[in-house]
PDB file of N, CA and C in Angstrom:
ATOM      1  N   MET A   1     101.325  66.039  55.074  1.00  0.00           N
ATOM      2  CA  MET A   1     102.141  66.421  56.204  1.00  0.00           C
ATOM      3  C   MET A   1     101.990  67.923  56.413  1.00  0.00           C
ATOM      4  N   ASP A   2     101.687  68.313  57.626  1.00  0.00           N
ATOM      5  CA  ASP A   2     101.467  69.703  57.971  1.00  0.00           C
ATOM      6  C   ASP A   2     102.691  70.232  58.738  1.00  0.00           C
ATOM      7  N   ILE A   3     103.247  71.345  58.246  1.00  0.00           N
ATOM      8  CA  ILE A   3     104.416  71.943  58.917  1.00  0.00           C
ATOM      9  C   ILE A   3     103.998  73.307  59.483  1.00  0.00           C
ATOM     10  N   ASN A   4     104.080  73.442  60.828  1.00  0.00           N
ATOM     11  CA  ASN A   4     103.743  74.702  61.486  1.00  0.00           C
ATOM     12  C   ASN A   4     105.035  75.327  62.021  1.00  0.00           C
ATOM     13  N   VAL A   5     105.218  76.618  61.739  1.00  0.00           N
ATOM     14  CA  VAL A   5     106.402  77.347  62.226  1.00  0.00           C
ATOM     15  C   VAL A   5     105.903  78.428  63.190  1.00  0.00           C
ATOM     16  N   LYS A   6     106.425  78.372  64.426  1.00  0.00           N
ATOM     17  CA  LYS A   6     106.063  79.370  65.428  1.00  0.00           C
ATOM     18  C   LYS A   6     107.315  80.133  65.830  1.00  0.00           C
ATOM     19  N   ALA A   7     107.297  81.447  65.654  1.00  0.00           N
ATOM     20  CA  ALA A   7     108.379  82.321  66.118  1.00  0.00           C
ATOM     21  C   ALA A   7     107.898  82.962  67.391  1.00  0.00           C
ATOM     22  N   ILE A   8     108.571  82.692  68.496  1.00  0.00           N
ATOM     23  CA  ILE A   8     108.161  83.161  69.820  1.00  0.00           C
ATOM     24  C   ILE A   8     108.801  84.519  70.104  1.00  0.00           C
ATOM     25  N   LYS A   9     107.962  85.553  70.258  1.00  0.00           N
ATOM     26  CA  LYS A   9     108.337  86.928  70.573  1.00  0.00           C
ATOM     27  C   LYS A   9     109.146  87.633  69.501  1.00  0.00           C
ATOM     28  N   PHE A  10     109.055  87.180  68.249  1.00  0.00           N
ATOM     29  CA  PHE A  10     109.624  87.901  67.131  1.00  0.00           C
ATOM     30  C   PHE A  10     108.944  87.427  65.842  1.00  0.00           C
ATOM     31  N   ASP A  11     109.154  88.123  64.761  1.00  0.00           N
ATOM     32  CA  ASP A  11     108.578  87.738  63.463  1.00  0.00           C
ATOM     33  C   ASP A  11     109.648  87.076  62.607  1.00  0.00           C
ATOM     34  N   ALA A  12     109.380  85.865  62.180  1.00  0.00           N
ATOM     35  CA  ALA A  12     110.317  85.146  61.304  1.00  0.00           C
ATOM     36  C   ALA A  12     110.170  85.687  59.881  1.00  0.00           C
ATOM     37  N   THR A  13     111.292  85.896  59.216  1.00  0.00           N
ATOM     38  CA  THR A  13     111.268  86.410  57.843  1.00  0.00           C
ATOM     39  C   THR A  13     110.724  85.320  56.898  1.00  0.00           C
ATOM     40  N   ASP A  14     110.245  85.783  55.736  1.00  0.00           N
ATOM     41  CA  ASP A  14     109.761  84.837  54.731  1.00  0.00           C
ATOM     42  C   ASP A  14     110.882  83.900  54.279  1.00  0.00           C
ATOM     43  N   LYS A  15     112.096  84.446  54.175  1.00  0.00           N
ATOM     44  CA  LYS A  15     113.238  83.632  53.745  1.00  0.00           C
ATOM     45  C   LYS A  15     113.497  82.503  54.750  1.00  0.00           C
ATOM     46  N   LEU A  16     113.425  82.801  56.037  1.00  0.00           N
ATOM     47  CA  LEU A  16     113.637  81.798  57.072  1.00  0.00           C
ATOM     48  C   LEU A  16     112.519  80.754  57.033  1.00  0.00           C
ATOM     49  N   GLN A  17     111.290  81.200  56.852  1.00  0.00           N
ATOM     50  CA  GLN A  17     110.171  80.261  56.795  1.00  0.00           C
ATOM     51  C   GLN A  17     110.298  79.321  55.573  1.00  0.00           C
ATOM     52  N   GLU A  18     110.713  79.871  54.442  1.00  0.00           N
ATOM     53  CA  GLU A  18     110.907  79.035  53.245  1.00  0.00           C
ATOM     54  C   GLU A  18     112.031  78.021  53.473  1.00  0.00           C
ATOM     55  N   PHE A  19     113.094  78.446  54.129  1.00  0.00           N
ATOM     56  CA  PHE A  19     114.222  77.547  54.465  1.00  0.00           C
ATOM     57  C   PHE A  19     113.727  76.390  55.317  1.00  0.00           C
ATOM     58  N   ILE A  20     112.926  76.701  56.333  1.00  0.00           N
ATOM     59  CA  ILE A  20     112.406  75.685  57.238  1.00  0.00           C
ATOM     60  C   ILE A  20     111.499  74.707  56.487  1.00  0.00           C
ATOM     61  N   GLN A  21     110.578  75.258  55.680  1.00  0.00           N
ATOM     62  CA  GLN A  21     109.661  74.402  54.904  1.00  0.00           C
ATOM     63  C   GLN A  21     110.440  73.461  53.995  1.00  0.00           C
ATOM     64  N   LYS A  22     111.478  73.979  53.339  1.00  0.00           N
ATOM     65  CA  LYS A  22     112.266  73.188  52.393  1.00  0.00           C
ATOM     66  C   LYS A  22     113.025  72.071  53.105  1.00  0.00           C
ATOM     67  N   LYS A  23     113.728  72.430  54.190  1.00  0.00           N
ATOM     68  CA  LYS A  23     114.571  71.459  54.909  1.00  0.00           C
ATOM     69  C   LYS A  23     113.713  70.432  55.645  1.00  0.00           C
ATOM     70  N   VAL A  24     112.734  70.874  56.404  1.00  0.00           N
ATOM     71  CA  VAL A  24     111.925  69.985  57.220  1.00  0.00           C
ATOM     72  C   VAL A  24     111.001  69.146  56.345  1.00  0.00           C
ATOM     73  N   GLY A  25     110.610  69.654  55.193  1.00  0.00           N
ATOM     74  CA  GLY A  25     109.743  68.942  54.289  1.00  0.00           C
ATOM     75  C   GLY A  25     110.384  67.670  53.736  1.00  0.00           C
ATOM     76  N   LYS A  26     111.710  67.603  53.796  1.00  0.00           N
ATOM     77  CA  LYS A  26     112.418  66.434  53.279  1.00  0.00           C
ATOM     78  C   LYS A  26     112.331  65.229  54.233  1.00  0.00           C
ATOM     79  N   LEU A  27     111.820  65.437  55.468  1.00  0.00           N
ATOM     80  CA  LEU A  27     111.751  64.345  56.422  1.00  0.00           C
ATOM     81  C   LEU A  27     110.764  63.267  56.005  1.00  0.00           C
ATOM     82  N   ASP A  28     109.824  63.595  55.127  1.00  0.00           N
ATOM     83  CA  ASP A  28     108.852  62.584  54.718  1.00  0.00           C
ATOM     84  C   ASP A  28     109.496  61.476  53.873  1.00  0.00           C
ATOM     85  N   LYS A  29     110.724  61.668  53.430  1.00  0.00           N
ATOM     86  CA  LYS A  29     111.464  60.612  52.712  1.00  0.00           C
ATOM     87  C   LYS A  29     111.808  59.469  53.667  1.00  0.00           C
ATOM     88  N   PHE A  30     111.956  59.792  54.953  1.00  0.00           N
ATOM     89  CA  PHE A  30     112.379  58.799  55.914  1.00  0.00           C
ATOM     90  C   PHE A  30     111.224  58.059  56.562  1.00  0.00           C
ATOM     91  N   CYS A  31     110.037  58.663  56.554  1.00  0.00           N
ATOM     92  CA  CYS A  31     108.873  57.996  57.166  1.00  0.00           C
ATOM     93  C   CYS A  31     107.601  58.560  56.544  1.00  0.00           C
ATOM     94  N   ASP A  32     106.719  57.690  56.098  1.00  0.00           N
ATOM     95  CA  ASP A  32     105.464  58.135  55.456  1.00  0.00           C
ATOM     96  C   ASP A  32     104.377  58.458  56.471  1.00  0.00           C
ATOM     97  N   ASP A  33     104.580  58.067  57.737  1.00  0.00           N
ATOM     98  CA  ASP A  33     103.510  58.218  58.732  1.00  0.00           C
ATOM     99  C   ASP A  33     103.467  59.584  59.409  1.00  0.00           C
ATOM    100  N   ILE A  34     104.312  60.513  59.021  1.00  0.00           N
ATOM    101  CA  ILE A  34     104.371  61.812  59.675  1.00  0.00           C
ATOM    102  C   ILE A  34     103.044  62.546  59.469  1.00  0.00           C
ATOM    103  N   ARG A  35     102.436  62.926  60.575  1.00  0.00           N
ATOM    104  CA  ARG A  35     101.163  63.672  60.506  1.00  0.00           C
ATOM    105  C   ARG A  35     101.373  65.171  60.565  1.00  0.00           C
ATOM    106  N   LYS A  36     102.258  65.599  61.477  1.00  0.00           N
ATOM    107  CA  LYS A  36     102.440  67.030  61.688  1.00  0.00           C
ATOM    108  C   LYS A  36     103.859  67.298  62.207  1.00  0.00           C
ATOM    109  N   ILE A  37     104.419  68.459  61.803  1.00  0.00           N
ATOM    110  CA  ILE A  37     105.716  68.875  62.321  1.00  0.00           C
ATOM    111  C   ILE A  37     105.557  70.308  62.850  1.00  0.00           C
ATOM    112  N   GLU A  38     105.953  70.483  64.086  1.00  0.00           N
ATOM    113  CA  GLU A  38     105.909  71.808  64.734  1.00  0.00           C
ATOM    114  C   GLU A  38     107.338  72.288  64.920  1.00  0.00           C
ATOM    115  N   VAL A  39     107.639  73.476  64.389  1.00  0.00           N
ATOM    116  CA  VAL A  39     108.959  74.081  64.553  1.00  0.00           C
ATOM    117  C   VAL A  39     108.801  75.357  65.366  1.00  0.00           C
ATOM    118  N   SER A  40     109.444  75.435  66.537  1.00  0.00           N
ATOM    119  CA  SER A  40     109.392  76.622  67.376  1.00  0.00           C
ATOM    120  C   SER A  40     110.751  77.300  67.373  1.00  0.00           C
ATOM    121  N   LEU A  41     110.733  78.595  67.146  1.00  0.00           N
ATOM    122  CA  LEU A  41     111.969  79.395  67.088  1.00  0.00           C
ATOM    123  C   LEU A  41     111.948  80.393  68.241  1.00  0.00           C
ATOM    124  N   LYS A  42     113.049  80.492  68.966  1.00  0.00           N
ATOM    125  CA  LYS A  42     113.086  81.399  70.104  1.00  0.00           C
ATOM    126  C   LYS A  42     114.484  81.962  70.253  1.00  0.00           C
ATOM    127  N   VAL A  43     114.558  83.254  70.627  1.00  0.00           N
ATOM    128  CA  VAL A  43     115.851  83.897  70.906  1.00  0.00           C
ATOM    129  C   VAL A  43     116.015  83.894  72.419  1.00  0.00           C
ATOM    130  N   VAL A  44     117.131  83.319  72.876  1.00  0.00           N
ATOM    131  CA  VAL A  44     117.429  83.217  74.305  1.00  0.00           C
ATOM    132  C   VAL A  44     118.555  84.186  74.605  1.00  0.00           C
ATOM    133  N   LYS A  45     118.380  85.069  75.566  1.00  0.00           N
ATOM    134  CA  LYS A  45     119.384  86.065  75.940  1.00  0.00           C
ATOM    135  C   LYS A  45     119.981  86.708  74.693  1.00  0.00           C
ATOM    136  N   PRO A  46     119.323  87.657  74.095  1.00  0.00           N
ATOM    137  CA  PRO A  46     119.734  88.216  72.790  1.00  0.00           C
ATOM    138  C   PRO A  46     121.164  88.688  72.658  1.00  0.00           C
ATOM    139  N   ALA A  47     121.849  89.065  73.728  1.00  0.00           N
ATOM    140  CA  ALA A  47     123.205  89.632  73.596  1.00  0.00           C
ATOM    141  C   ALA A  47     124.302  88.585  73.608  1.00  0.00           C
ATOM    142  N   THR A  48     123.990  87.300  73.705  1.00  0.00           N
ATOM    143  CA  THR A  48     125.015  86.261  73.809  1.00  0.00           C
ATOM    144  C   THR A  48     125.158  85.448  72.523  1.00  0.00           C
ATOM    145  N   ALA A  49     126.258  84.737  72.404  1.00  0.00           N
ATOM    146  CA  ALA A  49     126.444  83.818  71.265  1.00  0.00           C
ATOM    147  C   ALA A  49     125.602  82.564  71.554  1.00  0.00           C
ATOM    148  N   GLN A  50     125.340  81.792  70.515  1.00  0.00           N
ATOM    149  CA  GLN A  50     124.548  80.569  70.677  1.00  0.00           C
ATOM    150  C   GLN A  50     123.207  80.880  71.343  1.00  0.00           C
ATOM    151  N   ASN A  51     122.513  81.882  70.815  1.00  0.00           N
ATOM    152  CA  ASN A  51     121.270  82.323  71.456  1.00  0.00           C
ATOM    153  C   ASN A  51     120.011  81.987  70.662  1.00  0.00           C
ATOM    154  N   LYS A  52     120.111  81.226  69.580  1.00  0.00           N
ATOM    155  CA  LYS A  52     118.942  80.883  68.778  1.00  0.00           C
ATOM    156  C   LYS A  52     118.545  79.450  69.124  1.00  0.00           C
ATOM    157  N   GLU A  53     117.351  79.262  69.624  1.00  0.00           N
ATOM    158  CA  GLU A  53     116.859  77.937  70.032  1.00  0.00           C
ATOM    159  C   GLU A  53     115.810  77.455  69.035  1.00  0.00           C
ATOM    160  N   VAL A  54     115.998  76.271  68.521  1.00  0.00           N
ATOM    161  CA  VAL A  54     115.059  75.647  67.620  1.00  0.00           C
ATOM    162  C   VAL A  54     114.540  74.375  68.278  1.00  0.00           C
ATOM    163  N   SER A  55     113.224  74.210  68.286  1.00  0.00           N
ATOM    164  CA  SER A  55     112.607  73.015  68.824  1.00  0.00           C
ATOM    165  C   SER A  55     111.724  72.427  67.737  1.00  0.00           C
ATOM    166  N   ILE A  56     111.955  71.158  67.383  1.00  0.00           N
ATOM    167  CA  ILE A  56     111.195  70.523  66.317  1.00  0.00           C
ATOM    168  C   ILE A  56     110.495  69.301  66.925  1.00  0.00           C
ATOM    169  N   ALA A  57     109.163  69.247  66.771  1.00  0.00           N
ATOM    170  CA  ALA A  57     108.376  68.105  67.243  1.00  0.00           C
ATOM    171  C   ALA A  57     107.682  67.465  66.037  1.00  0.00           C
ATOM    172  N   VAL A  58     107.964  66.167  65.848  1.00  0.00           N
ATOM    173  CA  VAL A  58     107.384  65.412  64.755  1.00  0.00           C
ATOM    174  C   VAL A  58     106.312  64.492  65.349  1.00  0.00           C
ATOM    175  N   THR A  59     105.056  64.645  64.912  1.00  0.00           N
ATOM    176  CA  THR A  59     103.968  63.828  65.389  1.00  0.00           C
ATOM    177  C   THR A  59     103.737  62.642  64.460  1.00  0.00           C
ATOM    178  N   LEU A  60     103.805  61.456  65.056  1.00  0.00           N
ATOM    179  CA  LEU A  60     103.573  60.196  64.352  1.00  0.00           C
ATOM    180  C   LEU A  60     102.409  59.470  64.998  1.00  0.00           C
ATOM    181  N   PRO A  61     101.806  58.475  64.338  1.00  0.00           N
ATOM    182  CA  PRO A  61     100.730  57.739  64.974  1.00  0.00           C
ATOM    183  C   PRO A  61     101.224  57.049  66.251  1.00  0.00           C
ATOM    184  N   GLY A  62     100.702  57.461  67.396  1.00  0.00           N
ATOM    185  CA  GLY A  62     101.070  56.858  68.678  1.00  0.00           C
ATOM    186  C   GLY A  62     102.438  57.224  69.190  1.00  0.00           C
ATOM    187  N   ASN A  63     103.074  58.243  68.629  1.00  0.00           N
ATOM    188  CA  ASN A  63     104.425  58.600  69.042  1.00  0.00           C
ATOM    189  C   ASN A  63     104.727  60.060  68.689  1.00  0.00           C
ATOM    190  N   GLU A  64     105.716  60.651  69.372  1.00  0.00           N
ATOM    191  CA  GLU A  64     106.205  61.971  69.011  1.00  0.00           C
ATOM    192  C   GLU A  64     107.701  62.012  69.199  1.00  0.00           C
ATOM    193  N   ILE A  65     108.373  62.581  68.211  1.00  0.00           N
ATOM    194  CA  ILE A  65     109.835  62.740  68.271  1.00  0.00           C
ATOM    195  C   ILE A  65     110.118  64.219  68.464  1.00  0.00           C
ATOM    196  N   HIS A  66     111.055  64.524  69.387  1.00  0.00           N
ATOM    197  CA  HIS A  66     111.297  65.911  69.744  1.00  0.00           C
ATOM    198  C   HIS A  66     112.801  66.167  69.783  1.00  0.00           C
ATOM    199  N   VAL A  67     113.243  67.276  69.167  1.00  0.00           N
ATOM    200  CA  VAL A  67     114.654  67.675  69.180  1.00  0.00           C
ATOM    201  C   VAL A  67     114.752  69.171  69.458  1.00  0.00           C
ATOM    202  N   GLU A  68     115.712  69.549  70.300  1.00  0.00           N
ATOM    203  CA  GLU A  68     115.993  70.955  70.584  1.00  0.00           C
ATOM    204  C   GLU A  68     117.472  71.227  70.322  1.00  0.00           C
ATOM    205  N   LYS A  69     117.760  72.367  69.692  1.00  0.00           N
ATOM    206  CA  LYS A  69     119.142  72.734  69.420  1.00  0.00           C
ATOM    207  C   LYS A  69     119.348  74.217  69.674  1.00  0.00           C
ATOM    208  N   LEU A  70     120.526  74.592  70.203  1.00  0.00           N
ATOM    209  CA  LEU A  70     120.936  75.986  70.342  1.00  0.00           C
ATOM    210  C   LEU A  70     122.086  76.216  69.376  1.00  0.00           C
ATOM    211  N   SER A  71     122.066  77.401  68.723  1.00  0.00           N
ATOM    212  CA  SER A  71     123.124  77.727  67.775  1.00  0.00           C
ATOM    213  C   SER A  71     123.210  79.233  67.579  1.00  0.00           C
ATOM    214  N   ASP A  72     124.147  79.657  66.731  1.00  0.00           N
ATOM    215  CA  ASP A  72     124.315  81.083  66.431  1.00  0.00           C
ATOM    216  C   ASP A  72     123.196  81.581  65.507  1.00  0.00           C
ATOM    217  N   THR A  73     122.721  80.713  64.593  1.00  0.00           N
ATOM    218  CA  THR A  73     121.654  81.097  63.684  1.00  0.00           C
ATOM    219  C   THR A  73     120.574  80.011  63.682  1.00  0.00           C
ATOM    220  N   PHE A  74     119.366  80.408  63.292  1.00  0.00           N
ATOM    221  CA  PHE A  74     118.281  79.437  63.219  1.00  0.00           C
ATOM    222  C   PHE A  74     118.561  78.389  62.140  1.00  0.00           C
ATOM    223  N   GLU A  75     119.127  78.831  61.030  1.00  0.00           N
ATOM    224  CA  GLU A  75     119.435  77.918  59.924  1.00  0.00           C
ATOM    225  C   GLU A  75     120.415  76.823  60.374  1.00  0.00           C
ATOM    226  N   GLU A  76     121.423  77.241  61.104  1.00  0.00           N
ATOM    227  CA  GLU A  76     122.409  76.282  61.618  1.00  0.00           C
ATOM    228  C   GLU A  76     121.793  75.295  62.594  1.00  0.00           C
ATOM    229  N   ALA A  77     120.939  75.788  63.480  1.00  0.00           N
ATOM    230  CA  ALA A  77     120.270  74.909  64.463  1.00  0.00           C
ATOM    231  C   ALA A  77     119.371  73.889  63.762  1.00  0.00           C
ATOM    232  N   ILE A  78     118.663  74.307  62.714  1.00  0.00           N
ATOM    233  CA  ILE A  78     117.793  73.395  61.982  1.00  0.00           C
ATOM    234  C   ILE A  78     118.631  72.363  61.246  1.00  0.00           C
ATOM    235  N   THR A  79     119.720  72.804  60.603  1.00  0.00           N
ATOM    236  CA  THR A  79     120.593  71.906  59.882  1.00  0.00           C
ATOM    237  C   THR A  79     121.195  70.851  60.843  1.00  0.00           C
ATOM    238  N   GLN A  80     121.504  71.253  62.051  1.00  0.00           N
ATOM    239  CA  GLN A  80     122.064  70.306  63.042  1.00  0.00           C
ATOM    240  C   GLN A  80     121.001  69.346  63.561  1.00  0.00           C
ATOM    241  N   SER A  81     119.749  69.757  63.598  1.00  0.00           N
ATOM    242  CA  SER A  81     118.665  68.937  64.132  1.00  0.00           C
ATOM    243  C   SER A  81     118.219  67.848  63.163  1.00  0.00           C
ATOM    244  N   LEU A  82     118.311  68.108  61.883  1.00  0.00           N
ATOM    245  CA  LEU A  82     117.779  67.184  60.875  1.00  0.00           C
ATOM    246  C   LEU A  82     118.404  65.784  60.909  1.00  0.00           C
ATOM    247  N   PRO A  83     119.726  65.646  61.002  1.00  0.00           N
ATOM    248  CA  PRO A  83     120.291  64.277  61.060  1.00  0.00           C
ATOM    249  C   PRO A  83     119.768  63.479  62.277  1.00  0.00           C
ATOM    250  N   ILE A  84     119.565  64.139  63.395  1.00  0.00           N
ATOM    251  CA  ILE A  84     119.049  63.498  64.595  1.00  0.00           C
ATOM    252  C   ILE A  84     117.623  62.996  64.351  1.00  0.00           C
ATOM    253  N   LEU A  85     116.808  63.867  63.764  1.00  0.00           N
ATOM    254  CA  LEU A  85     115.420  63.468  63.449  1.00  0.00           C
ATOM    255  C   LEU A  85     115.402  62.355  62.440  1.00  0.00           C
ATOM    256  N   GLU A  86     116.269  62.402  61.427  1.00  0.00           N
ATOM    257  CA  GLU A  86     116.301  61.378  60.409  1.00  0.00           C
ATOM    258  C   GLU A  86     116.620  60.006  61.026  1.00  0.00           C
ATOM    259  N   ARG A  87     117.603  59.960  61.952  1.00  0.00           N
ATOM    260  CA  ARG A  87     117.935  58.688  62.609  1.00  0.00           C
ATOM    261  C   ARG A  87     116.757  58.182  63.424  1.00  0.00           C
ATOM    262  N   GLN A  88     116.085  59.061  64.139  1.00  0.00           N
ATOM    263  CA  GLN A  88     114.961  58.657  64.968  1.00  0.00           C
ATOM    264  C   GLN A  88     113.801  58.166  64.109  1.00  0.00           C
ATOM    265  N   LEU A  89     113.575  58.797  62.951  1.00  0.00           N
ATOM    266  CA  LEU A  89     112.503  58.357  62.062  1.00  0.00           C
ATOM    267  C   LEU A  89     112.813  56.980  61.468  1.00  0.00           C
ATOM    268  N   VAL A  90     114.064  56.748  61.120  1.00  0.00           N
ATOM    269  CA  VAL A  90     114.459  55.446  60.601  1.00  0.00           C
ATOM    270  C   VAL A  90     114.237  54.367  61.668  1.00  0.00           C
ATOM    271  N   LYS A  91     114.613  54.648  62.922  1.00  0.00           N
ATOM    272  CA  LYS A  91     114.380  53.700  64.010  1.00  0.00           C
ATOM    273  C   LYS A  91     112.884  53.436  64.196  1.00  0.00           C
ATOM    274  N   TYR A  92     112.088  54.495  64.130  1.00  0.00           N
ATOM    275  CA  TYR A  92     110.636  54.343  64.264  1.00  0.00           C
ATOM    276  C   TYR A  92     110.081  53.454  63.173  1.00  0.00           C
ATOM    277  N   LYS A  93     110.523  53.705  61.942  1.00  0.00           N
ATOM    278  CA  LYS A  93     110.035  52.925  60.806  1.00  0.00           C
ATOM    279  C   LYS A  93     110.443  51.441  60.908  1.00  0.00           C
ATOM    280  N   GLU A  94     111.661  51.201  61.415  1.00  0.00           N
ATOM    281  CA  GLU A  94     112.126  49.823  61.586  1.00  0.00           C
ATOM    282  C   GLU A  94     111.293  49.106  62.633  1.00  0.00           C
ATOM    283  N   LYS A  95     110.969  49.798  63.711  1.00  0.00           N
ATOM    284  CA  LYS A  95     110.130  49.210  64.756  1.00  0.00           C
ATOM    285  C   LYS A  95     108.739  48.895  64.248  1.00  0.00           C
ATOM    286  N   GLN A  96     108.196  49.788  63.406  1.00  0.00           N
ATOM    287  CA  GLN A  96     106.841  49.561  62.844  1.00  0.00           C
ATOM    288  C   GLN A  96     106.856  48.371  61.902  1.00  0.00           C
ATOM    289  N   SER A  97     107.917  48.195  61.162  1.00  0.00           N
ATOM    290  CA  SER A  97     107.965  47.097  60.177  1.00  0.00           C
ATOM    291  C   SER A  97     108.137  45.744  60.874  1.00  0.00           C
ATOM    292  N   GLN A  98     108.666  45.742  62.099  1.00  0.00           N
ATOM    293  CA  GLN A  98     108.835  44.499  62.872  1.00  0.00           C
ATOM    294  C   GLN A  98     107.535  44.023  63.484  1.00  0.00           C
ATOM    295  N   LYS A  99     106.565  44.908  63.624  1.00  0.00           N
ATOM    296  CA  LYS A  99     105.285  44.532  64.251  1.00  0.00           C
ATOM    297  C   LYS A  99     104.426  43.700  63.338  1.00  0.00           C
TER     298      LYS A  99
END
């Protein structure tokens, strides 16, 4: 499983990248078919609250799961996105097992 982290118009710290790798890397427990995960980080309107946008795209054979979250911190947005992705991966796996 390949995890790509893209920080748009800023440099993500090593600590943030390690956090993302650790948290997102756990998604393979829910589905073995994950080929690639793309995580995009973006700051929207820097002077406002809830200005950190995280977009996570999980590439599966013949399918892609996508989640976007806005929050005060990137860590919080990623933590909020993971349960949504986990549910979608479980649904995907159930559909595959029915075929």
